[in-house]
């Protein structure tokens, strides 16, 4: 975060850091970590070690890849791994994963038709050999991207991160007089596995199915899952989901598996650490070629647009088994990728993160404009304007946008972004929920749907457009769904909603059937 060049990392925390033991088992993660990154990291490490076996690695070696089917599901995330040595002995690995500002091709967008249009695809490659950067690999990356200084700066920030991570492991071992972390690693991993298995045994055994319809590019798509709980294990099968499509919203299985593990862990053991043990009892399958198990050369740049629905899909399936724990749908993230030049003529390739409302839970109103199921933060307006030459003309919460319920969904927001630079800017929108609003759960009402427009004219939330100077992009970010029967909402909570402007008098009458004058 401190050495990255892009706002994606230093401002929005689109990153993860993961520590592994000598056997390649994930052991710990950084405080700021994206679920899809930590959920794919262990499989990525095993793939990297298949190309570069442990006995061939030396101190100062750094291996990396951005291959979607080896890494996190799309080209824009770089997975950087460095082995940890204690003296001359290999004791573990550390991996840093971040979303790069650019990787060439059409740019971060949902409009590509094949992976080949999306940018530079790096198989596992040694970027450093004994501490020295491979200048040819560096030139290859610089030659293929729009903002080489930012992109290489971010890659080197990942390298520095893994170097510091290895140093900190050695410092910890010095402090506690430990020469081998394997016994400690096994204890942590075994404890986590026992904890999630014990919790899964408390869930009523059985098969639970759910299906949802969501918007695609040209036609709606169906997502389906069957969840089987038995003997402390979870088996998630996504058979019946739509086939992959000719646009960049397809999801490799590695991402589907990561989001499944995240959803199950949220419902069972959200407070225990993430490591191999905490996901070992979770098994995921999907038919090859379906949209949740897309195969090469499917385009996957906007895989989150579909992949984020894995969590509400699983929550819907397990609502019968765990009604006190499931969450209503969230408004989810809207990612707007901007490319061009700012007022000073510097290259721009960066993401504006905007979030809808958080879905309500039992006993908890959804938070306004809070991302889910991924956890990047919104881009600070002042930083964004200075970097891109755009003006955020307005940013406001939207009354009545949270779904009604005994517990209300989180509010969405309206954002107006104006091209205030001296030239055109290309914007790519990567979002959904314009046709199918966030659903409530267990009787709760839906949140308000998302909408995207340019100069007042509606556009696709997955389209790519050019903003001339003065053009205005407006996004209405979706509200979260409500939980439970709105008629059961506490009157004191509703009075607070009215006083704070979260619900209007008309909204109280329409959604809750209550005359505000009677409160």
Protein backbone atom coordinates (compact mmCIF):
# COMPACT_ATOMS: atom_id res chain seq x y z
CA UNK A 1 0.00 0.00 0.00
CA UNK A 2 2.82 2.43 0.86
CA UNK A 3 4.91 1.83 -2.26
CA UNK A 4 2.23 1.17 -4.89
CA UNK A 5 1.84 3.67 -7.72
CA UNK A 6 -1.87 3.10 -8.44
CA UNK A 7 -5.00 4.13 -6.57
CA UNK A 8 -6.29 0.58 -7.07
CA UNK A 9 -3.94 -0.53 -4.30
CA UNK A 10 -2.96 2.44 -2.17
CA UNK A 11 -6.47 3.93 -1.91
CA UNK A 12 -8.93 1.12 -2.64
CA UNK A 13 -7.06 -1.87 -1.17
CA UNK A 14 -7.56 -4.14 -4.18
CA UNK A 15 -4.95 -6.49 -2.76
CA UNK A 16 -4.08 -9.49 -0.62
CA UNK A 17 -0.96 -10.75 1.12
CA UNK A 18 -0.80 -14.46 2.03
CA UNK A 19 1.76 -16.47 4.00
CA UNK A 20 2.35 -20.20 3.36
CA UNK A 21 4.33 -22.85 5.17
CA UNK A 22 6.98 -25.07 3.57
CA UNK A 23 4.33 -27.53 2.36
CA UNK A 24 2.49 -24.76 0.49
CA UNK A 25 -0.42 -24.59 2.95
CA UNK A 26 -1.94 -21.14 3.41
CA UNK A 27 -1.28 -20.03 6.96
CA UNK A 28 -2.21 -16.36 7.36
CA UNK A 29 -3.36 -13.32 5.40
CA UNK A 30 -2.92 -9.57 5.64
CA UNK A 31 -5.49 -7.42 7.42
CA UNK A 32 -6.58 -5.92 4.09
CA UNK A 33 -7.33 -8.88 1.85
CA UNK A 34 -9.83 -9.48 -0.97
CA UNK A 35 -11.76 -12.78 -0.56
CA UNK A 36 -11.24 -13.88 -4.15
CA UNK A 37 -7.46 -13.34 -3.87
CA UNK A 38 -6.98 -15.24 -0.63
CA UNK A 39 -9.37 -17.90 -1.90
CA UNK A 40 -7.32 -18.56 -5.04
CA UNK A 41 -3.80 -18.01 -3.64
CA UNK A 42 -3.12 -21.56 -2.45
CA UNK A 43 -4.00 -23.11 -5.81
CA UNK A 44 -1.89 -20.43 -7.52
CA UNK A 45 1.12 -21.30 -5.37
CA UNK A 46 0.83 -24.99 -6.23
CA UNK A 47 0.73 -24.13 -9.94
CA UNK A 48 3.79 -21.89 -9.60
CA UNK A 49 5.69 -24.61 -7.77
CA UNK A 50 4.77 -27.04 -10.54
CA UNK A 51 6.70 -24.84 -12.98
CA UNK A 52 9.42 -23.87 -10.50
CA UNK A 53 9.85 -26.73 -7.99
CA UNK A 54 11.03 -25.84 -4.48
CA UNK A 55 14.45 -27.43 -4.95
CA UNK A 56 15.15 -25.09 -7.88
CA UNK A 57 14.35 -21.88 -5.97
CA UNK A 58 17.06 -19.71 -4.43
CA UNK A 59 17.02 -16.73 -2.04
CA UNK A 60 15.89 -13.61 -3.92
CA UNK A 61 13.93 -15.50 -6.60
CA UNK A 62 10.49 -14.07 -7.38
CA UNK A 63 7.94 -15.93 -9.53
CA UNK A 64 4.75 -14.37 -10.88
CA UNK A 65 1.76 -14.89 -13.18
CA UNK A 66 -1.46 -13.19 -14.19
CA UNK A 67 -2.95 -16.18 -16.04
CA UNK A 68 -6.69 -16.19 -15.16
CA UNK A 69 -6.89 -19.96 -14.71
CA UNK A 70 -3.77 -20.10 -12.54
CA UNK A 71 -4.42 -16.91 -10.60
CA UNK A 72 -7.54 -15.00 -9.59
CA UNK A 73 -9.71 -15.37 -12.69
CA UNK A 74 -8.67 -12.42 -14.86
CA UNK A 75 -5.54 -10.89 -16.39
CA UNK A 76 -5.60 -7.71 -14.35
CA UNK A 77 -4.39 -9.29 -11.09
CA UNK A 78 -0.70 -10.05 -10.70
CA UNK A 79 0.27 -12.90 -8.36
CA UNK A 80 3.82 -12.40 -7.06
CA UNK A 81 5.48 -15.14 -4.97
CA UNK A 82 8.79 -15.22 -3.16
CA UNK A 83 10.17 -18.21 -1.24
CA UNK A 84 11.21 -17.57 2.37
CA UNK A 85 14.63 -18.83 3.38
CA UNK A 86 16.18 -19.09 6.80
CA UNK A 87 19.82 -19.08 5.96
CA UNK A 88 19.97 -21.55 3.09
CA UNK A 89 16.90 -23.52 4.16
CA UNK A 90 13.48 -23.02 2.51
CA UNK A 91 10.86 -22.52 5.26
CA UNK A 92 7.81 -21.12 3.44
CA UNK A 93 6.42 -18.73 0.84
CA UNK A 94 4.80 -15.31 0.73
CA UNK A 95 2.51 -14.07 -2.02
CA UNK A 96 1.29 -10.57 -2.82
CA UNK A 97 -1.65 -10.08 -5.20
CA UNK A 98 -2.87 -6.76 -6.59
CA UNK A 99 -5.03 -5.45 -9.40
CA UNK A 100 -2.75 -3.72 -11.90
CA UNK A 101 -3.68 -0.31 -13.36
CA UNK A 102 -3.29 -1.71 -16.88
CA UNK A 103 -2.24 -4.88 -18.68
CA UNK A 104 -2.79 -3.77 -22.29
CA UNK A 105 -5.37 -5.04 -24.75
CA UNK A 106 -8.81 -3.50 -24.74
CA UNK A 107 -8.36 -2.51 -21.09
CA UNK A 108 -10.33 -3.47 -18.00
CA UNK A 109 -13.75 -3.93 -19.53
CA UNK A 110 -16.60 -6.39 -20.03
CA UNK A 111 -16.62 -5.96 -23.81
CA UNK A 112 -13.85 -8.34 -24.94
CA UNK A 113 -14.98 -11.50 -26.73
CA UNK A 114 -11.89 -13.67 -26.11
CA UNK A 115 -9.02 -13.67 -23.64
CA UNK A 116 -6.67 -12.64 -26.46
CA UNK A 117 -8.31 -9.21 -26.67
CA UNK A 118 -7.84 -8.48 -22.98
CA UNK A 119 -4.10 -7.92 -22.73
CA UNK A 120 -0.76 -9.51 -21.87
CA UNK A 121 -1.08 -13.01 -20.41
CA UNK A 122 1.98 -14.12 -18.44
CA UNK A 123 2.49 -17.79 -17.69
CA UNK A 124 4.50 -18.49 -14.52
CA UNK A 125 7.76 -16.60 -15.00
CA UNK A 126 10.75 -15.67 -12.85
CA UNK A 127 10.75 -11.90 -12.54
CA UNK A 128 13.73 -11.83 -10.17
CA UNK A 129 16.61 -14.28 -10.07
CA UNK A 130 18.59 -14.12 -6.84
CA UNK A 131 17.39 -10.59 -6.26
CA UNK A 132 18.02 -9.25 -9.76
CA UNK A 133 15.13 -8.16 -12.02
CA UNK A 134 14.90 -9.95 -15.37
CA UNK A 135 15.17 -6.91 -17.65
CA UNK A 136 13.58 -8.74 -20.60
CA UNK A 137 10.40 -9.57 -18.64
CA UNK A 138 10.27 -5.99 -17.39
CA UNK A 139 10.55 -4.63 -20.95
CA UNK A 140 7.89 -7.07 -22.14
CA UNK A 141 5.42 -5.69 -19.60
CA UNK A 142 6.34 -2.03 -20.18
CA UNK A 143 5.92 -2.44 -23.95
CA UNK A 144 2.37 -3.83 -23.61
CA UNK A 145 0.72 -1.38 -21.20
CA UNK A 146 -0.61 2.18 -21.38
CA UNK A 147 0.91 3.40 -18.12
CA UNK A 148 4.24 1.55 -17.81
CA UNK A 149 5.51 3.56 -14.85
CA UNK A 150 2.41 2.79 -12.79
CA UNK A 151 2.25 -0.86 -13.83
CA UNK A 152 5.92 -1.65 -13.19
CA UNK A 153 5.75 0.42 -10.01
CA UNK A 154 2.92 -1.76 -8.75
CA UNK A 155 4.71 -4.98 -9.74
CA UNK A 156 7.81 -3.86 -7.85
CA UNK A 157 5.63 -2.90 -4.87
CA UNK A 158 4.46 -6.53 -4.84
CA UNK A 159 8.07 -7.70 -4.96
CA UNK A 160 8.99 -5.41 -2.05
CA UNK A 161 5.97 -6.70 -0.13
CA UNK A 162 7.09 -10.30 -0.44
CA UNK A 163 10.64 -9.37 0.59
CA UNK A 164 9.35 -7.63 3.71
CA UNK A 165 7.01 -10.54 4.43
CA UNK A 166 9.88 -13.02 4.40
CA UNK A 167 11.96 -10.74 6.61
CA UNK A 168 9.12 -10.43 9.14
CA UNK A 169 8.74 -14.22 9.36
CA UNK A 170 12.44 -14.52 10.15
CA UNK A 171 12.16 -11.71 12.72
CA UNK A 172 9.28 -13.54 14.43
CA UNK A 173 11.28 -16.77 14.50
CA UNK A 174 14.24 -14.91 16.02
CA UNK A 175 12.03 -13.32 18.67
CA UNK A 176 10.50 -16.61 19.79
CA UNK A 177 13.51 -18.85 19.23
CA UNK A 178 11.78 -20.93 16.53
CA UNK A 179 13.78 -22.68 13.82
CA UNK A 180 10.88 -24.43 12.12
CA UNK A 181 7.36 -23.00 11.62
CA UNK A 182 5.84 -26.34 10.56
CA UNK A 183 4.60 -27.37 14.05
CA UNK A 184 3.03 -23.93 14.55
CA UNK A 185 1.50 -23.98 11.05
CA UNK A 186 0.00 -27.43 11.61
CA UNK A 187 -1.50 -26.36 14.94
CA UNK A 188 -3.14 -23.26 13.43
CA UNK A 189 -4.46 -25.10 10.38
CA UNK A 190 -5.76 -28.08 12.39
CA UNK A 191 -7.53 -25.77 14.85
CA UNK A 192 -9.27 -23.90 12.01
CA UNK A 193 -10.32 -27.12 10.31
CA UNK A 194 -11.79 -28.52 13.52
CA UNK A 195 -13.67 -25.27 14.13
CA UNK A 196 -15.39 -25.15 10.72
CA UNK A 197 -16.14 -28.91 10.71
CA UNK A 198 -17.72 -28.65 14.16
CA UNK A 199 -19.87 -25.74 12.98
CA UNK A 200 -20.89 -27.54 9.80
CA UNK A 201 -22.05 -30.51 11.87
CA UNK A 202 -24.49 -28.16 13.61
CA UNK A 203 -26.11 -27.29 10.27
CA UNK A 204 -29.03 -29.62 9.46
CA UNK A 205 -27.73 -32.23 7.05
CA UNK A 206 -29.39 -32.31 3.65
CA UNK A 207 -29.46 -30.98 0.10
CA UNK A 208 -30.43 -27.36 -0.49
CA UNK A 209 -31.00 -25.90 -3.94
CA UNK A 210 -31.44 -22.36 -5.23
CA UNK A 211 -31.49 -20.55 -8.54
CA UNK A 212 -31.43 -16.89 -9.54
CA UNK A 213 -31.74 -15.01 -12.80
CA UNK A 214 -29.36 -12.13 -13.43
CA UNK A 215 -28.64 -9.85 -16.35
CA UNK A 216 -26.04 -10.77 -18.94
CA UNK A 217 -25.06 -8.66 -21.91
CA UNK A 218 -27.64 -9.67 -24.49
CA UNK A 219 -30.00 -11.85 -22.45
CA UNK A 220 -30.60 -12.88 -18.83
CA UNK A 221 -28.46 -15.64 -17.36
CA UNK A 222 -29.38 -18.37 -14.89
CA UNK A 223 -27.20 -19.35 -11.95
CA UNK A 224 -28.04 -22.50 -10.03
CA UNK A 225 -26.49 -24.38 -7.16
CA UNK A 226 -27.12 -27.40 -5.01
CA UNK A 227 -25.51 -27.40 -1.59
CA UNK A 228 -25.14 -30.68 0.26
CA UNK A 229 -24.20 -30.66 3.93
CA UNK A 230 -23.05 -33.94 5.41
CA UNK A 231 -20.64 -35.10 8.13
CA UNK A 232 -18.98 -31.73 8.59
CA UNK A 233 -18.40 -31.07 4.89
CA UNK A 234 -19.97 -28.93 2.17
CA UNK A 235 -20.41 -29.99 -1.46
CA UNK A 236 -21.41 -27.15 -3.78
CA UNK A 237 -22.44 -28.01 -7.34
CA UNK A 238 -23.31 -25.29 -9.87
CA UNK A 239 -24.78 -27.58 -12.53
CA UNK A 240 -27.66 -25.96 -14.39
CA UNK A 241 -25.98 -22.57 -14.69
CA UNK A 242 -25.95 -20.88 -18.10
CA UNK A 243 -23.19 -21.49 -20.60
CA UNK A 244 -20.25 -19.11 -20.96
CA UNK A 245 -20.87 -16.11 -23.20
CA UNK A 246 -18.95 -14.12 -25.81
CA UNK A 247 -18.20 -11.20 -23.49
CA UNK A 248 -15.83 -10.65 -20.60
CA UNK A 249 -18.10 -11.66 -17.73
CA UNK A 250 -17.20 -15.36 -17.60
CA UNK A 251 -15.92 -16.87 -14.35
CA UNK A 252 -13.11 -19.44 -14.10
CA UNK A 253 -13.68 -22.16 -11.51
CA UNK A 254 -10.87 -20.84 -9.30
CA UNK A 255 -12.92 -17.67 -8.66
CA UNK A 256 -16.16 -19.59 -8.16
CA UNK A 257 -14.43 -21.79 -5.61
CA UNK A 258 -13.01 -18.78 -3.77
CA UNK A 259 -16.38 -17.03 -3.51
CA UNK A 260 -18.03 -20.28 -2.38
CA UNK A 261 -15.50 -20.67 0.40
CA UNK A 262 -16.08 -17.04 1.40
CA UNK A 263 -19.86 -17.50 1.54
CA UNK A 264 -19.70 -20.71 3.58
CA UNK A 265 -17.16 -19.24 5.97
CA UNK A 266 -19.33 -16.13 6.49
CA UNK A 267 -22.21 -18.40 7.51
CA UNK A 268 -20.22 -20.70 9.78
CA UNK A 269 -16.93 -19.42 11.22
CA UNK A 270 -16.46 -15.77 10.24
CA UNK A 271 -14.16 -15.00 13.17
CA UNK A 272 -11.51 -17.69 12.75
CA UNK A 273 -8.45 -16.97 10.57
CA UNK A 274 -8.41 -17.76 6.88
CA UNK A 275 -6.03 -20.60 6.10
CA UNK A 276 -6.06 -24.00 4.43
CA UNK A 277 -7.84 -25.60 7.38
CA UNK A 278 -10.75 -23.15 7.30
CA UNK A 279 -11.67 -24.13 3.72
CA UNK A 280 -10.55 -27.76 3.56
CA UNK A 281 -14.08 -29.19 4.13
CA UNK A 282 -15.54 -27.18 1.20
CA UNK A 283 -15.76 -28.87 -2.22
CA UNK A 284 -16.84 -27.11 -5.42
CA UNK A 285 -17.81 -28.44 -8.85
CA UNK A 286 -19.33 -26.88 -11.97
CA UNK A 287 -19.70 -28.21 -15.52
CA UNK A 288 -16.75 -27.17 -17.73
CA UNK A 289 -17.85 -24.47 -20.14
CA UNK A 290 -20.61 -23.05 -17.98
CA UNK A 291 -20.41 -19.41 -16.96
CA UNK A 292 -19.13 -20.38 -13.48
CA UNK A 293 -16.46 -22.70 -14.90
CA UNK A 294 -15.40 -20.89 -18.05
CA UNK A 295 -12.48 -22.35 -19.97
CA UNK A 296 -9.91 -20.71 -22.24
CA UNK A 297 -10.23 -18.73 -24.50
CA UNK A 298 -13.30 -17.25 -22.75
CA UNK A 299 -12.93 -13.59 -21.85
CA UNK A 300 -12.97 -13.09 -18.07
CA UNK A 301 -12.02 -9.46 -17.41
CA UNK A 302 -15.28 -8.60 -15.66
CA UNK A 303 -15.66 -11.97 -13.94
CA UNK A 304 -16.71 -10.27 -10.70
CA UNK A 305 -19.90 -9.01 -12.40
CA UNK A 306 -21.17 -12.62 -12.36
CA UNK A 307 -18.90 -14.17 -9.72
CA UNK A 308 -20.12 -11.87 -6.95
CA UNK A 309 -23.53 -13.53 -7.29
CA UNK A 310 -22.12 -16.81 -5.95
CA UNK A 311 -22.52 -15.52 -2.40
CA UNK A 312 -26.24 -14.57 -2.59
CA UNK A 313 -26.86 -17.75 -4.57
CA UNK A 314 -25.48 -19.84 -1.69
CA UNK A 315 -27.21 -17.68 0.93
CA UNK A 316 -30.51 -18.30 -0.85
CA UNK A 317 -29.88 -22.06 -0.86
CA UNK A 318 -29.06 -22.14 2.86
CA UNK A 319 -31.79 -19.72 4.00
CA UNK A 320 -33.91 -22.68 5.08
CA UNK A 321 -31.10 -24.25 7.08
CA UNK A 322 -29.63 -21.05 8.56
CA UNK A 323 -32.39 -18.41 8.56
CA UNK A 324 -30.76 -16.47 11.42
CA UNK A 325 -27.44 -16.09 9.58
CA UNK A 326 -28.17 -15.46 5.91
CA UNK A 327 -28.02 -11.98 4.43
CA UNK A 328 -30.28 -10.20 1.96
CA UNK A 329 -28.72 -9.25 -1.37
CA UNK A 330 -26.29 -6.36 -1.43
CA UNK A 331 -26.16 -3.65 -4.08
CA UNK A 332 -22.59 -4.77 -4.90
CA UNK A 333 -19.72 -2.84 -6.41
CA UNK A 334 -19.77 -0.76 -9.56
CA UNK A 335 -16.33 -0.48 -11.12
CA UNK A 336 -15.76 2.31 -13.65
CA UNK A 337 -12.43 2.00 -15.44
CA UNK A 338 -11.16 5.27 -16.93
CA UNK A 339 -8.48 5.55 -19.63
CA UNK A 340 -7.02 8.58 -21.35
CA UNK A 341 -4.94 11.59 -20.29
CA UNK A 342 -5.41 14.08 -17.49
CA UNK A 343 -5.01 17.86 -17.69
CA UNK A 344 -1.21 17.57 -17.40
CA UNK A 345 -1.06 15.11 -20.29
CA UNK A 346 -0.21 12.15 -18.08
CA UNK A 347 -1.61 8.74 -18.95
CA UNK A 348 -4.64 7.60 -16.97
CA UNK A 349 -5.73 4.00 -16.46
CA UNK A 350 -7.50 3.59 -13.16
CA UNK A 351 -10.66 2.29 -11.48
CA UNK A 352 -13.32 4.30 -9.68
CA UNK A 353 -14.91 2.02 -7.07
CA UNK A 354 -18.50 2.84 -6.12
CA UNK A 355 -20.70 0.68 -3.94
CA UNK A 356 -24.36 0.00 -3.44
CA UNK A 357 -25.95 -0.70 -0.07
CA UNK A 358 -25.18 -3.65 2.16
CA UNK A 359 -27.88 -6.29 2.53
CA UNK A 360 -29.68 -6.52 5.87
CA UNK A 361 -29.16 -9.35 8.35
CA UNK A 362 -31.08 -10.65 11.35
CA UNK A 363 -30.87 -7.86 13.92
CA UNK A 364 -28.77 -5.55 11.72
CA UNK A 365 -29.80 -2.90 9.20
CA UNK A 366 -27.63 -2.90 6.10
CA UNK A 367 -24.91 -0.24 6.02
CA UNK A 368 -25.16 2.42 3.33
CA UNK A 369 -22.83 2.22 0.31
CA UNK A 370 -20.77 -0.67 1.68
CA UNK A 371 -19.20 -3.16 -0.75
CA UNK A 372 -20.08 -6.87 -0.67
CA UNK A 373 -19.14 -9.61 -1.17
CA UNK A 374 -15.75 -8.13 -2.05
CA UNK A 375 -14.35 -5.47 0.22
CA UNK A 376 -12.48 -2.81 -1.74
CA UNK A 377 -13.11 0.75 -0.57
CA UNK A 378 -14.54 3.66 -2.51
CA UNK A 379 -12.06 5.91 -4.28
CA UNK A 380 -11.44 9.18 -2.36
CA UNK A 381 -12.90 11.99 -4.44
CA UNK A 382 -9.98 14.40 -4.00
CA UNK A 383 -7.39 11.80 -5.03
CA UNK A 384 -9.48 10.63 -7.97
CA UNK A 385 -10.10 14.12 -9.35
CA UNK A 386 -6.44 15.06 -9.13
CA UNK A 387 -5.32 11.85 -10.84
CA UNK A 388 -7.81 11.67 -13.70
CA UNK A 389 -8.90 15.19 -14.58
CA UNK A 390 -12.54 14.34 -13.84
CA UNK A 391 -14.87 16.22 -11.51
CA UNK A 392 -17.15 14.40 -9.07
CA UNK A 393 -19.97 16.92 -9.33
CA UNK A 394 -22.16 15.20 -6.73
CA UNK A 395 -22.21 12.18 -4.43
CA UNK A 396 -25.31 11.63 -2.31
CA UNK A 397 -27.24 8.93 -0.47
CA UNK A 398 -30.58 7.96 -1.99
CA UNK A 399 -33.61 7.93 0.32
CA UNK A 400 -35.92 4.88 0.07
CA UNK A 401 -33.27 2.93 -1.90
CA UNK A 402 -32.73 0.33 0.87
CA UNK A 403 -35.14 -2.59 0.78
CA UNK A 404 -37.91 -2.54 3.38
CA UNK A 405 -37.90 -5.14 6.10
CA UNK A 406 -37.87 -5.81 9.78
CA UNK A 407 -34.26 -4.85 9.20
CA UNK A 408 -33.75 -2.37 6.38
CA UNK A 409 -31.31 -2.72 3.51
CA UNK A 410 -28.44 -0.26 3.19
CA UNK A 411 -28.91 2.86 1.08
CA UNK A 412 -27.47 3.23 -2.39
CA UNK A 413 -26.08 6.46 -3.79
CA UNK A 414 -26.00 8.75 -6.81
CA UNK A 415 -22.65 9.82 -8.28
CA UNK A 416 -22.11 12.36 -11.08
CA UNK A 417 -18.71 12.26 -12.76
CA UNK A 418 -17.85 14.95 -15.34
CA UNK A 419 -14.96 14.79 -17.80
CA UNK A 420 -13.17 17.97 -16.79
CA UNK A 421 -9.97 17.15 -18.67
CA UNK A 422 -8.86 18.64 -21.99
CA UNK A 423 -9.53 15.55 -24.10
CA UNK A 424 -11.68 12.44 -24.41
CA UNK A 425 -11.73 9.77 -21.71
CA UNK A 426 -12.77 6.17 -22.30
CA UNK A 427 -14.91 4.72 -19.53
CA UNK A 428 -15.78 1.06 -19.09
CA UNK A 429 -18.62 0.18 -16.72
CA UNK A 430 -18.49 -3.17 -14.93
CA UNK A 431 -21.66 -3.72 -12.93
CA UNK A 432 -25.05 -5.40 -12.85
CA UNK A 433 -28.34 -5.18 -10.99
CA UNK A 434 -30.02 -2.85 -13.47
CA UNK A 435 -32.63 -5.42 -14.52
CA UNK A 436 -32.83 -7.52 -11.37
CA UNK A 437 -32.62 -5.43 -8.18
CA UNK A 438 -31.08 -6.79 -4.95
CA UNK A 439 -33.57 -9.22 -3.48
CA UNK A 440 -34.79 -9.18 0.09
CA UNK A 441 -34.81 -12.34 2.14
CA UNK A 442 -37.34 -14.04 4.41
CA UNK A 443 -40.06 -11.52 3.52
CA UNK A 444 -37.84 -8.47 3.09
CA UNK A 445 -38.31 -6.11 0.14
CA UNK A 446 -35.87 -5.53 -2.73
CA UNK A 447 -33.46 -2.62 -2.85
CA UNK A 448 -33.55 -0.03 -5.60
CA UNK A 449 -31.93 -1.16 -8.86
CA UNK A 450 -28.74 0.29 -10.31
CA UNK A 451 -28.85 2.65 -13.32
CA UNK A 452 -26.10 4.15 -15.49
CA UNK A 453 -26.49 7.08 -17.88
CA UNK A 454 -24.36 9.47 -19.92
CA UNK A 455 -25.69 13.00 -20.34
CA UNK A 456 -29.05 11.74 -19.09
CA UNK A 457 -29.33 8.87 -21.60
CA UNK A 458 -29.36 5.30 -20.18
CA UNK A 459 -26.41 3.09 -21.14
CA UNK A 460 -25.41 -0.50 -20.44
CA UNK A 461 -23.75 -1.14 -17.07
CA UNK A 462 -21.26 -3.35 -18.92
CA UNK A 463 -20.50 -1.03 -21.84
CA UNK A 464 -17.46 0.93 -23.00
CA UNK A 465 -17.94 4.59 -23.90
CA UNK A 466 -16.01 7.76 -24.75
CA UNK A 467 -16.69 10.87 -22.68
CA UNK A 468 -15.92 14.11 -24.48
CA UNK A 469 -14.87 17.08 -22.32
CA UNK A 470 -17.94 18.20 -20.38
CA UNK A 471 -19.79 14.89 -20.70
CA UNK A 472 -21.40 13.57 -17.51
CA UNK A 473 -21.54 9.95 -16.33
CA UNK A 474 -24.26 9.34 -13.72
CA UNK A 475 -24.52 6.15 -11.70
CA UNK A 476 -27.39 5.23 -9.41
CA UNK A 477 -25.91 2.61 -7.08
CA UNK A 478 -28.31 -0.11 -5.96
CA UNK A 479 -29.74 -0.34 -2.44
CA UNK A 480 -29.40 -3.48 -0.33
CA UNK A 481 -32.30 -5.88 0.19
CA UNK A 482 -34.32 -6.01 3.40
CA UNK A 483 -34.55 -8.86 5.93
CA UNK A 484 -37.87 -10.03 7.33
CA UNK A 485 -41.44 -8.72 7.18
CA UNK A 486 -41.51 -4.89 6.94
CA UNK A 487 -44.60 -4.86 9.19
CA UNK A 488 -42.39 -6.13 12.02
CA UNK A 489 -39.97 -3.19 11.88
CA UNK A 490 -39.44 -1.51 15.22
CA UNK A 491 -41.24 1.85 15.31
CA UNK A 492 -38.26 3.52 16.94
CA UNK A 493 -36.00 2.42 14.09
CA UNK A 494 -38.52 3.76 11.57
CA UNK A 495 -38.67 7.11 13.38
CA UNK A 496 -34.87 7.29 13.17
CA UNK A 497 -35.01 6.45 9.44
CA UNK A 498 -37.42 9.33 8.86
CA UNK A 499 -35.42 11.75 11.00
CA UNK A 500 -32.18 10.97 9.16
CA UNK A 501 -33.80 11.04 5.72
CA UNK A 502 -33.10 7.38 4.97
CA UNK A 503 -36.84 6.80 4.45
CA UNK A 504 -39.28 9.47 3.22
CA UNK A 505 -42.85 9.86 4.53
CA UNK A 506 -44.16 8.42 1.27
CA UNK A 507 -41.70 5.55 1.56
CA UNK A 508 -42.93 4.78 5.06
CA UNK A 509 -46.51 4.61 3.81
CA UNK A 510 -45.77 2.58 0.70
CA UNK A 511 -43.16 0.12 2.01
CA UNK A 512 -44.13 -0.20 5.67
CA UNK A 513 -47.86 0.63 5.59
CA UNK A 514 -47.43 3.23 8.34
CA UNK A 515 -48.62 6.82 8.53
CA UNK A 516 -45.55 8.83 9.66
CA UNK A 517 -47.84 11.09 11.67
CA UNK A 518 -48.69 8.14 13.92
CA UNK A 519 -45.09 7.51 14.95
